[in-house]
Amino acid sequence: MKRMTVAVAVVLALFVTVVVGSVWAADVAGTIKVIQTQERVLTLDDGTQLYWTEQVQVAPEIKAGSKVKATYESKDGKMVLKKIEVVK
């Protein structure tokens, strides 16, 4: 009985870790409306806000009016950039 309880606890802990701590990636495309470099936020024309970290390079040709395609991860309720590129 003790082994069964431990096994159930381990499985439950793994399930909670996967579900709660999960990060998923997605793509979005649009035209950049505003870039706030101090806050590291790009806002698309549809209002979507994409945040970036020091690990992500936002190329100088990416500016307001640029059409872009971005890959992001949802972290702590924010869309965090993983990759961004200009669409021609």
PDB file of N, CA and C in Angstrom:
ATOM      1  N   MET A   1       0.826  -1.198   0.000  1.00  0.00           N
ATOM      2  CA  MET A   1       0.000   0.000   0.000  1.00  0.00           C
ATOM      3  C   MET A   1       0.866   1.255   0.000  1.00  0.00           C
ATOM      4  N   LYS A   2       1.949   1.198   0.751  1.00  0.00           N
ATOM      5  CA  LYS A   2       2.841   2.347   0.832  1.00  0.00           C
ATOM      6  C   LYS A   2       3.469   2.635  -0.541  1.00  0.00           C
ATOM      7  N   ARG A   3       3.877   1.593  -1.265  1.00  0.00           N
ATOM      8  CA  ARG A   3       4.451   1.767  -2.596  1.00  0.00           C
ATOM      9  C   ARG A   3       3.440   2.393  -3.553  1.00  0.00           C
ATOM     10  N   MET A   4       2.208   1.959  -3.464  1.00  0.00           N
ATOM     11  CA  MET A   4       1.157   2.496  -4.328  1.00  0.00           C
ATOM     12  C   MET A   4       0.941   3.979  -4.047  1.00  0.00           C
ATOM     13  N   THR A   5       0.933   4.366  -2.799  1.00  0.00           N
ATOM     14  CA  THR A   5       0.760   5.773  -2.437  1.00  0.00           C
ATOM     15  C   THR A   5       1.912   6.618  -2.971  1.00  0.00           C
ATOM     16  N   VAL A   6       3.131   6.127  -2.843  1.00  0.00           N
ATOM     17  CA  VAL A   6       4.305   6.839  -3.347  1.00  0.00           C
ATOM     18  C   VAL A   6       4.239   6.941  -4.873  1.00  0.00           C
ATOM     19  N   ALA A   7       3.867   5.873  -5.533  1.00  0.00           N
ATOM     20  CA  ALA A   7       3.768   5.879  -6.997  1.00  0.00           C
ATOM     21  C   ALA A   7       2.718   6.883  -7.469  1.00  0.00           C
ATOM     22  N   VAL A   8       1.580   6.907  -6.827  1.00  0.00           N
ATOM     23  CA  VAL A   8       0.529   7.857  -7.195  1.00  0.00           C
ATOM     24  C   VAL A   8       1.007   9.288  -6.957  1.00  0.00           C
ATOM     25  N   ALA A   9       1.691   9.528  -5.863  1.00  0.00           N
ATOM     26  CA  ALA A   9       2.201  10.869  -5.566  1.00  0.00           C
ATOM     27  C   ALA A   9       3.210  11.321  -6.619  1.00  0.00           C
ATOM     28  N   VAL A  10       4.081  10.423  -7.045  1.00  0.00           N
ATOM     29  CA  VAL A  10       5.079  10.758  -8.061  1.00  0.00           C
ATOM     30  C   VAL A  10       4.402  11.069  -9.391  1.00  0.00           C
ATOM     31  N   VAL A  11       3.458  10.246  -9.799  1.00  0.00           N
ATOM     32  CA  VAL A  11       2.741  10.476 -11.052  1.00  0.00           C
ATOM     33  C   VAL A  11       1.979  11.797 -11.002  1.00  0.00           C
ATOM     34  N   LEU A  12       1.337  12.075  -9.897  1.00  0.00           N
ATOM     35  CA  LEU A  12       0.594  13.324  -9.740  1.00  0.00           C
ATOM     36  C   LEU A  12       1.532  14.529  -9.790  1.00  0.00           C
ATOM     37  N   ALA A  13       2.678  14.439  -9.144  1.00  0.00           N
ATOM     38  CA  ALA A  13       3.655  15.533  -9.164  1.00  0.00           C
ATOM     39  C   ALA A  13       4.161  15.784 -10.577  1.00  0.00           C
ATOM     40  N   LEU A  14       4.436  14.728 -11.328  1.00  0.00           N
ATOM     41  CA  LEU A  14       4.879  14.884 -12.708  1.00  0.00           C
ATOM     42  C   LEU A  14       3.796  15.521 -13.572  1.00  0.00           C
ATOM     43  N   PHE A  15       2.567  15.100 -13.389  1.00  0.00           N
ATOM     44  CA  PHE A  15       1.452  15.654 -14.146  1.00  0.00           C
ATOM     45  C   PHE A  15       1.289  17.145 -13.874  1.00  0.00           C
ATOM     46  N   VAL A  16       1.329  17.543 -12.624  1.00  0.00           N
ATOM     47  CA  VAL A  16       1.194  18.954 -12.261  1.00  0.00           C
ATOM     48  C   VAL A  16       2.349  19.762 -12.845  1.00  0.00           C
ATOM     49  N   THR A  17       3.555  19.236 -12.785  1.00  0.00           N
ATOM     50  CA  THR A  17       4.719  19.938 -13.338  1.00  0.00           C
ATOM     51  C   THR A  17       4.560  20.150 -14.830  1.00  0.00           C
ATOM     52  N   VAL A  18       4.101  19.148 -15.540  1.00  0.00           N
ATOM     53  CA  VAL A  18       3.935  19.255 -16.988  1.00  0.00           C
ATOM     54  C   VAL A  18       2.819  20.231 -17.334  1.00  0.00           C
ATOM     55  N   VAL A  19       1.691  20.139 -16.672  1.00  0.00           N
ATOM     56  CA  VAL A  19       0.541  20.977 -17.000  1.00  0.00           C
ATOM     57  C   VAL A  19       0.775  22.423 -16.573  1.00  0.00           C
ATOM     58  N   VAL A  20       1.198  22.659 -15.363  1.00  0.00           N
ATOM     59  CA  VAL A  20       1.374  24.015 -14.852  1.00  0.00           C
ATOM     60  C   VAL A  20       2.602  24.676 -15.451  1.00  0.00           C
ATOM     61  N   GLY A  21       3.675  23.958 -15.588  1.00  0.00           N
ATOM     62  CA  GLY A  21       4.910  24.532 -16.076  1.00  0.00           C
ATOM     63  C   GLY A  21       5.096  24.455 -17.571  1.00  0.00           C
ATOM     64  N   SER A  22       4.063  24.088 -18.276  1.00  0.00           N
ATOM     65  CA  SER A  22       4.229  23.908 -19.712  1.00  0.00           C
ATOM     66  C   SER A  22       4.388  25.246 -20.423  1.00  0.00           C
ATOM     67  N   VAL A  23       5.223  25.228 -21.432  1.00  0.00           N
ATOM     68  CA  VAL A  23       5.450  26.380 -22.284  1.00  0.00           C
ATOM     69  C   VAL A  23       5.192  25.908 -23.699  1.00  0.00           C
ATOM     70  N   TRP A  24       4.397  26.656 -24.442  1.00  0.00           N
ATOM     71  CA  TRP A  24       4.114  26.241 -25.804  1.00  0.00           C
ATOM     72  C   TRP A  24       4.503  27.356 -26.759  1.00  0.00           C
ATOM     73  N   ALA A  25       4.873  26.970 -27.937  1.00  0.00           N
ATOM     74  CA  ALA A  25       5.294  27.930 -28.951  1.00  0.00           C
ATOM     75  C   ALA A  25       4.221  28.067 -30.018  1.00  0.00           C
ATOM     76  N   ALA A  26       4.159  29.265 -30.586  1.00  0.00           N
ATOM     77  CA  ALA A  26       3.206  29.527 -31.655  1.00  0.00           C
ATOM     78  C   ALA A  26       3.781  30.606 -32.567  1.00  0.00           C
ATOM     79  N   ASP A  27       3.143  30.792 -33.711  1.00  0.00           N
ATOM     80  CA  ASP A  27       3.563  31.814 -34.669  1.00  0.00           C
ATOM     81  C   ASP A  27       2.491  32.881 -34.783  1.00  0.00           C
ATOM     82  N   VAL A  28       2.942  34.078 -35.096  1.00  0.00           N
ATOM     83  CA  VAL A  28       2.034  35.194 -35.349  1.00  0.00           C
ATOM     84  C   VAL A  28       2.656  36.044 -36.452  1.00  0.00           C
ATOM     85  N   ALA A  29       1.812  36.654 -37.259  1.00  0.00           N
ATOM     86  CA  ALA A  29       2.293  37.540 -38.318  1.00  0.00           C
ATOM     87  C   ALA A  29       1.485  38.827 -38.273  1.00  0.00           C
ATOM     88  N   GLY A  30       2.123  39.911 -38.677  1.00  0.00           N
ATOM     89  CA  GLY A  30       1.434  41.198 -38.696  1.00  0.00           C
ATOM     90  C   GLY A  30       2.385  42.322 -39.011  1.00  0.00           C
ATOM     91  N   THR A  31       1.864  43.540 -38.905  1.00  0.00           N
ATOM     92  CA  THR A  31       2.655  44.743 -39.152  1.00  0.00           C
ATOM     93  C   THR A  31       2.944  45.406 -37.815  1.00  0.00           C
ATOM     94  N   ILE A  32       4.197  45.799 -37.625  1.00  0.00           N
ATOM     95  CA  ILE A  32       4.583  46.430 -36.361  1.00  0.00           C
ATOM     96  C   ILE A  32       4.014  47.844 -36.306  1.00  0.00           C
ATOM     97  N   LYS A  33       3.331  48.124 -35.216  1.00  0.00           N
ATOM     98  CA  LYS A  33       2.759  49.440 -34.988  1.00  0.00           C
ATOM     99  C   LYS A  33       3.723  50.284 -34.142  1.00  0.00           C
ATOM    100  N   VAL A  34       4.215  49.698 -33.047  1.00  0.00           N
ATOM    101  CA  VAL A  34       5.093  50.417 -32.121  1.00  0.00           C
ATOM    102  C   VAL A  34       6.175  49.482 -31.609  1.00  0.00           C
ATOM    103  N   ILE A  35       7.402  50.026 -31.460  1.00  0.00           N
ATOM    104  CA  ILE A  35       8.482  49.295 -30.800  1.00  0.00           C
ATOM    105  C   ILE A  35       8.916  50.122 -29.595  1.00  0.00           C
ATOM    106  N   GLN A  36       8.859  49.516 -28.422  1.00  0.00           N
ATOM    107  CA  GLN A  36       9.307  50.168 -27.191  1.00  0.00           C
ATOM    108  C   GLN A  36      10.591  49.465 -26.757  1.00  0.00           C
ATOM    109  N   THR A  37      11.733  50.033 -27.109  1.00  0.00           N
ATOM    110  CA  THR A  37      13.004  49.354 -26.857  1.00  0.00           C
ATOM    111  C   THR A  37      13.347  49.286 -25.377  1.00  0.00           C
ATOM    112  N   GLN A  38      13.028  50.309 -24.615  1.00  0.00           N
ATOM    113  CA  GLN A  38      13.330  50.290 -23.180  1.00  0.00           C
ATOM    114  C   GLN A  38      12.588  49.160 -22.469  1.00  0.00           C
ATOM    115  N   GLU A  39      11.327  48.948 -22.857  1.00  0.00           N
ATOM    116  CA  GLU A  39      10.498  47.910 -22.238  1.00  0.00           C
ATOM    117  C   GLU A  39      10.627  46.575 -22.950  1.00  0.00           C
ATOM    118  N   ARG A  40      11.298  46.579 -24.110  1.00  0.00           N
ATOM    119  CA  ARG A  40      11.450  45.384 -24.950  1.00  0.00           C
ATOM    120  C   ARG A  40      10.097  44.806 -25.350  1.00  0.00           C
ATOM    121  N   VAL A  41       9.268  45.662 -25.945  1.00  0.00           N
ATOM    122  CA  VAL A  41       7.930  45.254 -26.375  1.00  0.00           C
ATOM    123  C   VAL A  41       7.691  45.707 -27.804  1.00  0.00           C
ATOM    124  N   LEU A  42       7.214  44.782 -28.641  1.00  0.00           N
ATOM    125  CA  LEU A  42       6.747  45.093 -29.987  1.00  0.00           C
ATOM    126  C   LEU A  42       5.226  45.004 -29.966  1.00  0.00           C
ATOM    127  N   THR A  43       4.553  45.987 -30.520  1.00  0.00           N
ATOM    128  CA  THR A  43       3.100  45.935 -30.619  1.00  0.00           C
ATOM    129  C   THR A  43       2.727  45.865 -32.092  1.00  0.00           C
ATOM    130  N   LEU A  44       1.942  44.862 -32.435  1.00  0.00           N
ATOM    131  CA  LEU A  44       1.480  44.702 -33.817  1.00  0.00           C
ATOM    132  C   LEU A  44       0.229  45.542 -34.034  1.00  0.00           C
ATOM    133  N   ASP A  45      -0.137  45.727 -35.298  1.00  0.00           N
ATOM    134  CA  ASP A  45      -1.290  46.567 -35.632  1.00  0.00           C
ATOM    135  C   ASP A  45      -2.610  46.032 -35.087  1.00  0.00           C
ATOM    136  N   ASP A  46      -2.665  44.743 -34.739  1.00  0.00           N
ATOM    137  CA  ASP A  46      -3.891  44.184 -34.153  1.00  0.00           C
ATOM    138  C   ASP A  46      -3.899  44.265 -32.629  1.00  0.00           C
ATOM    139  N   GLY A  47      -2.849  44.893 -32.048  1.00  0.00           N
ATOM    140  CA  GLY A  47      -2.774  45.051 -30.598  1.00  0.00           C
ATOM    141  C   GLY A  47      -1.970  43.979 -29.889  1.00  0.00           C
ATOM    142  N   THR A  48      -1.547  42.942 -30.607  1.00  0.00           N
ATOM    143  CA  THR A  48      -0.739  41.877 -30.015  1.00  0.00           C
ATOM    144  C   THR A  48       0.579  42.454 -29.517  1.00  0.00           C
ATOM    145  N   GLN A  49       0.931  42.143 -28.270  1.00  0.00           N
ATOM    146  CA  GLN A  49       2.204  42.600 -27.717  1.00  0.00           C
ATOM    147  C   GLN A  49       3.149  41.422 -27.565  1.00  0.00           C
ATOM    148  N   LEU A  50       4.351  41.584 -28.108  1.00  0.00           N
ATOM    149  CA  LEU A  50       5.386  40.564 -28.045  1.00  0.00           C
ATOM    150  C   LEU A  50       6.561  41.123 -27.255  1.00  0.00           C
ATOM    151  N   TYR A  51       6.978  40.404 -26.235  1.00  0.00           N
ATOM    152  CA  TYR A  51       8.090  40.822 -25.391  1.00  0.00           C
ATOM    153  C   TYR A  51       9.337  40.058 -25.805  1.00  0.00           C
ATOM    154  N   TRP A  52      10.508  40.667 -25.652  1.00  0.00           N
ATOM    155  CA  TRP A  52      11.727  39.944 -25.963  1.00  0.00           C
ATOM    156  C   TRP A  52      12.726  40.075 -24.830  1.00  0.00           C
ATOM    157  N   THR A  53      13.621  39.092 -24.756  1.00  0.00           N
ATOM    158  CA  THR A  53      14.653  39.045 -23.728  1.00  0.00           C
ATOM    159  C   THR A  53      15.997  39.375 -24.356  1.00  0.00           C
ATOM    160  N   GLU A  54      17.021  39.408 -23.546  1.00  0.00           N
ATOM    161  CA  GLU A  54      18.366  39.686 -24.039  1.00  0.00           C
ATOM    162  C   GLU A  54      18.855  38.612 -25.007  1.00  0.00           C
ATOM    163  N   GLN A  55      18.317  37.415 -24.925  1.00  0.00           N
ATOM    164  CA  GLN A  55      18.742  36.309 -25.776  1.00  0.00           C
ATOM    165  C   GLN A  55      18.235  36.434 -27.210  1.00  0.00           C
ATOM    166  N   VAL A  56      17.255  37.295 -27.446  1.00  0.00           N
ATOM    167  CA  VAL A  56      16.664  37.435 -28.773  1.00  0.00           C
ATOM    168  C   VAL A  56      17.191  38.713 -29.421  1.00  0.00           C
ATOM    169  N   GLN A  57      17.676  38.583 -30.639  1.00  0.00           N
ATOM    170  CA  GLN A  57      18.161  39.729 -31.395  1.00  0.00           C
ATOM    171  C   GLN A  57      17.038  40.259 -32.284  1.00  0.00           C
ATOM    172  N   VAL A  58      16.698  41.526 -32.104  1.00  0.00           N
ATOM    173  CA  VAL A  58      15.730  42.179 -32.971  1.00  0.00           C
ATOM    174  C   VAL A  58      16.546  43.015 -33.953  1.00  0.00           C
ATOM    175  N   ALA A  59      16.552  42.611 -35.208  1.00  0.00           N
ATOM    176  CA  ALA A  59      17.382  43.236 -36.242  1.00  0.00           C
ATOM    177  C   ALA A  59      16.994  44.701 -36.457  1.00  0.00           C
ATOM    178  N   PRO A  60      17.969  45.526 -36.830  1.00  0.00           N
ATOM    179  CA  PRO A  60      17.707  46.953 -37.051  1.00  0.00           C
ATOM    180  C   PRO A  60      16.672  47.237 -38.140  1.00  0.00           C
ATOM    181  N   GLU A  61      16.533  46.346 -39.128  1.00  0.00           N
ATOM    182  CA  GLU A  61      15.543  46.585 -40.186  1.00  0.00           C
ATOM    183  C   GLU A  61      14.109  46.354 -39.712  1.00  0.00           C
ATOM    184  N   ILE A  62      13.949  45.814 -38.515  1.00  0.00           N
ATOM    185  CA  ILE A  62      12.615  45.632 -37.946  1.00  0.00           C
ATOM    186  C   ILE A  62      12.235  46.933 -37.246  1.00  0.00           C
ATOM    187  N   LYS A  63      11.240  47.612 -37.828  1.00  0.00           N
ATOM    188  CA  LYS A  63      10.823  48.917 -37.308  1.00  0.00           C
ATOM    189  C   LYS A  63       9.320  49.079 -37.528  1.00  0.00           C
ATOM    190  N   ALA A  64       8.775  50.168 -37.033  1.00  0.00           N
ATOM    191  CA  ALA A  64       7.349  50.434 -37.215  1.00  0.00           C
ATOM    192  C   ALA A  64       7.028  50.406 -38.704  1.00  0.00           C
ATOM    193  N   GLY A  65       5.971  49.695 -39.058  1.00  0.00           N
ATOM    194  CA  GLY A  65       5.562  49.551 -40.449  1.00  0.00           C
ATOM    195  C   GLY A  65       6.069  48.278 -41.111  1.00  0.00           C
ATOM    196  N   SER A  66       7.034  47.598 -40.476  1.00  0.00           N
ATOM    197  CA  SER A  66       7.564  46.346 -41.029  1.00  0.00           C
ATOM    198  C   SER A  66       6.549  45.226 -40.879  1.00  0.00           C
ATOM    199  N   LYS A  67       6.421  44.420 -41.922  1.00  0.00           N
ATOM    200  CA  LYS A  67       5.600  43.206 -41.837  1.00  0.00           C
ATOM    201  C   LYS A  67       6.517  42.105 -41.332  1.00  0.00           C
ATOM    202  N   VAL A  68       6.087  41.429 -40.267  1.00  0.00           N
ATOM    203  CA  VAL A  68       6.936  40.433 -39.630  1.00  0.00           C
ATOM    204  C   VAL A  68       6.196  39.128 -39.385  1.00  0.00           C
ATOM    205  N   LYS A  69       6.989  38.078 -39.207  1.00  0.00           N
ATOM    206  CA  LYS A  69       6.502  36.784 -38.749  1.00  0.00           C
ATOM    207  C   LYS A  69       7.330  36.466 -37.517  1.00  0.00           C
ATOM    208  N   ALA A  70       6.659  36.111 -36.437  1.00  0.00           N
ATOM    209  CA  ALA A  70       7.355  35.867 -35.179  1.00  0.00           C
ATOM    210  C   ALA A  70       6.932  34.537 -34.574  1.00  0.00           C
ATOM    211  N   THR A  71       7.875  33.916 -33.909  1.00  0.00           N
ATOM    212  CA  THR A  71       7.599  32.726 -33.111  1.00  0.00           C
ATOM    213  C   THR A  71       7.753  33.148 -31.661  1.00  0.00           C
ATOM    214  N   TYR A  72       6.782  32.763 -30.841  1.00  0.00           N
ATOM    215  CA  TYR A  72       6.814  33.154 -29.433  1.00  0.00           C
ATOM    216  C   TYR A  72       6.415  31.985 -28.549  1.00  0.00           C
ATOM    217  N   GLU A  73       6.753  32.125 -27.276  1.00  0.00           N
ATOM    218  CA  GLU A  73       6.313  31.184 -26.248  1.00  0.00           C
ATOM    219  C   GLU A  73       5.458  31.944 -25.254  1.00  0.00           C
ATOM    220  N   SER A  74       4.457  31.300 -24.743  1.00  0.00           N
ATOM    221  CA  SER A  74       3.633  31.895 -23.710  1.00  0.00           C
ATOM    222  C   SER A  74       4.279  31.613 -22.357  1.00  0.00           C
ATOM    223  N   LYS A  75       4.711  32.675 -21.675  1.00  0.00           N
ATOM    224  CA  LYS A  75       5.341  32.548 -20.362  1.00  0.00           C
ATOM    225  C   LYS A  75       4.742  33.586 -19.431  1.00  0.00           C
ATOM    226  N   ASP A  76       4.235  33.128 -18.314  1.00  0.00           N
ATOM    227  CA  ASP A  76       3.652  34.021 -17.312  1.00  0.00           C
ATOM    228  C   ASP A  76       2.615  34.962 -17.911  1.00  0.00           C
ATOM    229  N   GLY A  77       1.852  34.470 -18.855  1.00  0.00           N
ATOM    230  CA  GLY A  77       0.795  35.263 -19.468  1.00  0.00           C
ATOM    231  C   GLY A  77       1.262  36.240 -20.528  1.00  0.00           C
ATOM    232  N   LYS A  78       2.539  36.202 -20.878  1.00  0.00           N
ATOM    233  CA  LYS A  78       3.077  37.097 -21.904  1.00  0.00           C
ATOM    234  C   LYS A  78       3.539  36.292 -23.103  1.00  0.00           C
ATOM    235  N   MET A  79       3.505  36.928 -24.270  1.00  0.00           N
ATOM    236  CA  MET A  79       4.038  36.330 -25.497  1.00  0.00           C
ATOM    237  C   MET A  79       5.502  36.746 -25.595  1.00  0.00           C
ATOM    238  N   VAL A  80       6.398  35.801 -25.355  1.00  0.00           N
ATOM    239  CA  VAL A  80       7.836  36.088 -25.337  1.00  0.00           C
ATOM    240  C   VAL A  80       8.454  35.606 -26.648  1.00  0.00           C
ATOM    241  N   LEU A  81       9.081  36.538 -27.367  1.00  0.00           N
ATOM    242  CA  LEU A  81       9.680  36.236 -28.667  1.00  0.00           C
ATOM    243  C   LEU A  81      10.772  35.194 -28.576  1.00  0.00           C
ATOM    244  N   LYS A  82      10.752  34.279 -29.519  1.00  0.00           N
ATOM    245  CA  LYS A  82      11.827  33.325 -29.701  1.00  0.00           C
ATOM    246  C   LYS A  82      12.578  33.647 -30.989  1.00  0.00           C
ATOM    247  N   LYS A  83      11.834  34.139 -31.997  1.00  0.00           N
ATOM    248  CA  LYS A  83      12.423  34.463 -33.295  1.00  0.00           C
ATOM    249  C   LYS A  83      11.498  35.452 -34.005  1.00  0.00           C
ATOM    250  N   ILE A  84      12.101  36.379 -34.737  1.00  0.00           N
ATOM    251  CA  ILE A  84      11.308  37.317 -35.529  1.00  0.00           C
ATOM    252  C   ILE A  84      12.051  37.605 -36.823  1.00  0.00           C
ATOM    253  N   GLU A  85      11.265  37.714 -37.912  1.00  0.00           N
ATOM    254  CA  GLU A  85      11.856  37.999 -39.205  1.00  0.00           C
ATOM    255  C   GLU A  85      10.920  38.876 -40.030  1.00  0.00           C
ATOM    256  N   VAL A  86      11.517  39.676 -40.905  1.00  0.00           N
ATOM    257  CA  VAL A  86      10.747  40.534 -41.793  1.00  0.00           C
ATOM    258  C   VAL A  86      10.197  39.689 -42.927  1.00  0.00           C
ATOM    259  N   VAL A  87       8.916  39.907 -43.259  1.00  0.00           N
ATOM    260  CA  VAL A  87       8.264  39.215 -44.371  1.00  0.00           C
ATOM    261  C   VAL A  87       8.227  40.188 -45.535  1.00  0.00           C
ATOM    262  N   LYS A  88       8.689  39.729 -46.682  1.00  0.00           N
ATOM    263  CA  LYS A  88       8.718  40.619 -47.852  1.00  0.00           C
ATOM    264  C   LYS A  88       7.550  40.382 -48.760  1.00  0.00           C
TER     265      LYS A  88
END
